[in-house]
Amino acid sequence: MPLEAGLLEILACPACHAGLDDRSAAESPELVCTGTDCGLAYPVRDGIPVLLVDEARRPA
């Protein structure tokens, strides 16, 4: 279930402040940083984004 568009407009990566790409419709829902040097992927649990750098998945 994708996040609301209005919510996505105000959310930003806590590490680099870039925008986030919504991939919450995937099997493992997450928000991925669009920053060129960052790319952290933040989990979405029960429809709630967990925007903690310690919880983020590092880019491959």
N, C-alpha and C. Protein backbone atom coordinates (compact mmCIF):
# COMPACT_ATOMS: atom_id res chain seq x y z
N MET A 1 0.84 -1.18 0.00
CA MET A 1 0.00 0.00 0.00
C MET A 1 0.89 1.25 0.00
N PRO A 2 0.85 2.04 -1.07
CA PRO A 2 1.69 3.23 -1.15
C PRO A 2 1.30 4.28 -0.12
N LEU A 3 2.27 5.09 0.24
CA LEU A 3 2.02 6.17 1.18
C LEU A 3 1.29 7.31 0.48
N GLU A 4 0.65 8.15 1.26
CA GLU A 4 -0.08 9.30 0.71
C GLU A 4 0.91 10.25 0.04
N ALA A 5 0.51 10.81 -1.08
CA ALA A 5 1.37 11.72 -1.85
C ALA A 5 1.76 12.95 -1.02
N GLY A 6 0.84 13.47 -0.24
CA GLY A 6 1.13 14.63 0.59
C GLY A 6 2.20 14.36 1.63
N LEU A 7 2.20 13.16 2.16
CA LEU A 7 3.21 12.77 3.14
C LEU A 7 4.58 12.67 2.49
N LEU A 8 4.63 12.08 1.31
CA LEU A 8 5.90 11.93 0.60
C LEU A 8 6.53 13.27 0.25
N GLU A 9 5.71 14.28 0.00
CA GLU A 9 6.22 15.60 -0.36
C GLU A 9 6.98 16.25 0.79
N ILE A 10 6.63 15.96 2.03
CA ILE A 10 7.28 16.61 3.16
C ILE A 10 8.37 15.76 3.80
N LEU A 11 8.41 14.47 3.49
CA LEU A 11 9.45 13.60 4.07
C LEU A 11 10.77 13.79 3.34
N ALA A 12 11.86 13.68 4.09
CA ALA A 12 13.20 13.78 3.52
C ALA A 12 14.12 12.82 4.25
N CYS A 13 15.18 12.44 3.60
CA CYS A 13 16.17 11.55 4.21
C CYS A 13 16.80 12.27 5.41
N PRO A 14 16.81 11.64 6.57
CA PRO A 14 17.39 12.29 7.74
C PRO A 14 18.92 12.43 7.65
N ALA A 15 19.56 11.63 6.80
CA ALA A 15 21.01 11.68 6.68
C ALA A 15 21.48 12.82 5.78
N CYS A 16 20.81 13.00 4.61
CA CYS A 16 21.30 13.99 3.64
C CYS A 16 20.24 15.00 3.22
N HIS A 17 19.01 14.84 3.67
CA HIS A 17 17.89 15.76 3.41
C HIS A 17 17.39 15.74 1.96
N ALA A 18 17.74 14.71 1.19
CA ALA A 18 17.22 14.56 -0.17
C ALA A 18 15.81 13.96 -0.10
N GLY A 19 15.12 13.97 -1.22
CA GLY A 19 13.78 13.39 -1.28
C GLY A 19 13.83 11.87 -1.17
N LEU A 20 12.66 11.27 -1.00
CA LEU A 20 12.56 9.82 -0.85
C LEU A 20 11.69 9.23 -1.94
N ASP A 21 12.10 8.09 -2.47
CA ASP A 21 11.35 7.36 -3.49
C ASP A 21 10.52 6.29 -2.80
N ASP A 22 9.21 6.30 -3.05
CA ASP A 22 8.29 5.36 -2.39
C ASP A 22 8.34 4.00 -3.07
N ARG A 23 8.81 3.02 -2.34
CA ARG A 23 8.80 1.63 -2.81
C ARG A 23 8.04 0.77 -1.81
N SER A 24 6.98 1.35 -1.24
CA SER A 24 6.22 0.65 -0.21
C SER A 24 5.26 -0.38 -0.79
N ALA A 25 5.09 -0.41 -2.11
CA ALA A 25 4.22 -1.42 -2.73
C ALA A 25 4.98 -2.72 -2.98
N ALA A 26 6.26 -2.73 -2.76
CA ALA A 26 7.08 -3.93 -2.99
C ALA A 26 6.88 -4.94 -1.87
N GLU A 27 7.49 -6.11 -2.04
CA GLU A 27 7.38 -7.17 -1.03
C GLU A 27 7.95 -6.72 0.31
N SER A 28 9.10 -6.04 0.28
CA SER A 28 9.67 -5.47 1.50
C SER A 28 9.58 -3.95 1.36
N PRO A 29 8.51 -3.34 1.90
CA PRO A 29 8.27 -1.91 1.71
C PRO A 29 9.36 -1.04 2.31
N GLU A 30 9.76 -0.01 1.54
CA GLU A 30 10.79 0.90 2.01
C GLU A 30 10.72 2.21 1.25
N LEU A 31 11.35 3.23 1.82
CA LEU A 31 11.53 4.52 1.18
C LEU A 31 13.01 4.65 0.90
N VAL A 32 13.37 4.92 -0.34
CA VAL A 32 14.77 4.97 -0.75
C VAL A 32 15.17 6.42 -1.01
N CYS A 33 16.29 6.82 -0.44
CA CYS A 33 16.82 8.16 -0.62
C CYS A 33 17.21 8.37 -2.07
N THR A 34 16.87 9.53 -2.63
CA THR A 34 17.20 9.84 -4.01
C THR A 34 18.52 10.59 -4.13
N GLY A 35 19.19 10.85 -3.02
CA GLY A 35 20.48 11.52 -3.05
C GLY A 35 21.53 10.67 -3.74
N THR A 36 22.40 11.29 -4.54
CA THR A 36 23.38 10.54 -5.32
C THR A 36 24.45 9.88 -4.46
N ASP A 37 24.79 10.48 -3.35
CA ASP A 37 25.84 9.92 -2.49
C ASP A 37 25.30 9.09 -1.33
N CYS A 38 24.02 9.13 -1.09
CA CYS A 38 23.43 8.49 0.08
C CYS A 38 22.80 7.14 -0.28
N GLY A 39 21.59 7.16 -0.79
CA GLY A 39 20.90 5.95 -1.23
C GLY A 39 20.40 5.03 -0.13
N LEU A 40 20.31 5.51 1.12
CA LEU A 40 19.81 4.68 2.20
C LEU A 40 18.36 4.29 1.95
N ALA A 41 17.99 3.09 2.38
CA ALA A 41 16.62 2.59 2.22
C ALA A 41 16.02 2.42 3.62
N TYR A 42 14.96 3.18 3.88
CA TYR A 42 14.31 3.17 5.20
C TYR A 42 13.09 2.25 5.16
N PRO A 43 12.94 1.38 6.15
CA PRO A 43 11.81 0.44 6.15
C PRO A 43 10.48 1.15 6.42
N VAL A 44 9.41 0.55 5.91
CA VAL A 44 8.05 0.99 6.21
C VAL A 44 7.38 -0.18 6.91
N ARG A 45 7.05 0.02 8.18
CA ARG A 45 6.45 -1.05 8.99
C ARG A 45 5.01 -0.67 9.34
N ASP A 46 4.08 -1.53 8.97
CA ASP A 46 2.65 -1.31 9.23
C ASP A 46 2.19 0.04 8.69
N GLY A 47 2.73 0.44 7.53
CA GLY A 47 2.33 1.69 6.91
C GLY A 47 3.01 2.93 7.47
N ILE A 48 3.96 2.74 8.40
CA ILE A 48 4.64 3.86 9.04
C ILE A 48 6.12 3.85 8.66
N PRO A 49 6.62 4.93 8.04
CA PRO A 49 8.04 4.98 7.69
C PRO A 49 8.91 5.10 8.94
N VAL A 50 9.95 4.30 9.01
CA VAL A 50 10.90 4.34 10.12
C VAL A 50 12.13 5.09 9.62
N LEU A 51 12.17 6.39 9.86
CA LEU A 51 13.22 7.24 9.32
C LEU A 51 14.37 7.41 10.32
N LEU A 52 14.96 6.29 10.69
CA LEU A 52 16.11 6.27 11.58
C LEU A 52 17.31 5.75 10.80
N VAL A 53 18.41 6.48 10.80
CA VAL A 53 19.59 6.08 10.05
C VAL A 53 20.08 4.71 10.52
N ASP A 54 19.97 4.42 11.81
CA ASP A 54 20.41 3.13 12.35
C ASP A 54 19.56 1.97 11.83
N GLU A 55 18.32 2.22 11.42
CA GLU A 55 17.42 1.19 10.91
C GLU A 55 17.49 1.05 9.39
N ALA A 56 18.17 1.99 8.72
CA ALA A 56 18.21 2.01 7.25
C ALA A 56 19.13 0.93 6.71
N ARG A 57 18.76 0.46 5.51
CA ARG A 57 19.60 -0.50 4.78
C ARG A 57 20.56 0.29 3.91
N ARG A 58 21.83 -0.10 3.97
CA ARG A 58 22.85 0.56 3.16
C ARG A 58 22.71 0.13 1.70
N PRO A 59 23.08 1.00 0.76
CA PRO A 59 23.00 0.62 -0.66
C PRO A 59 23.95 -0.52 -0.97
N ALA A 60 23.56 -1.33 -1.93
CA ALA A 60 24.38 -2.50 -2.29
C ALA A 60 25.59 -2.13 -3.09
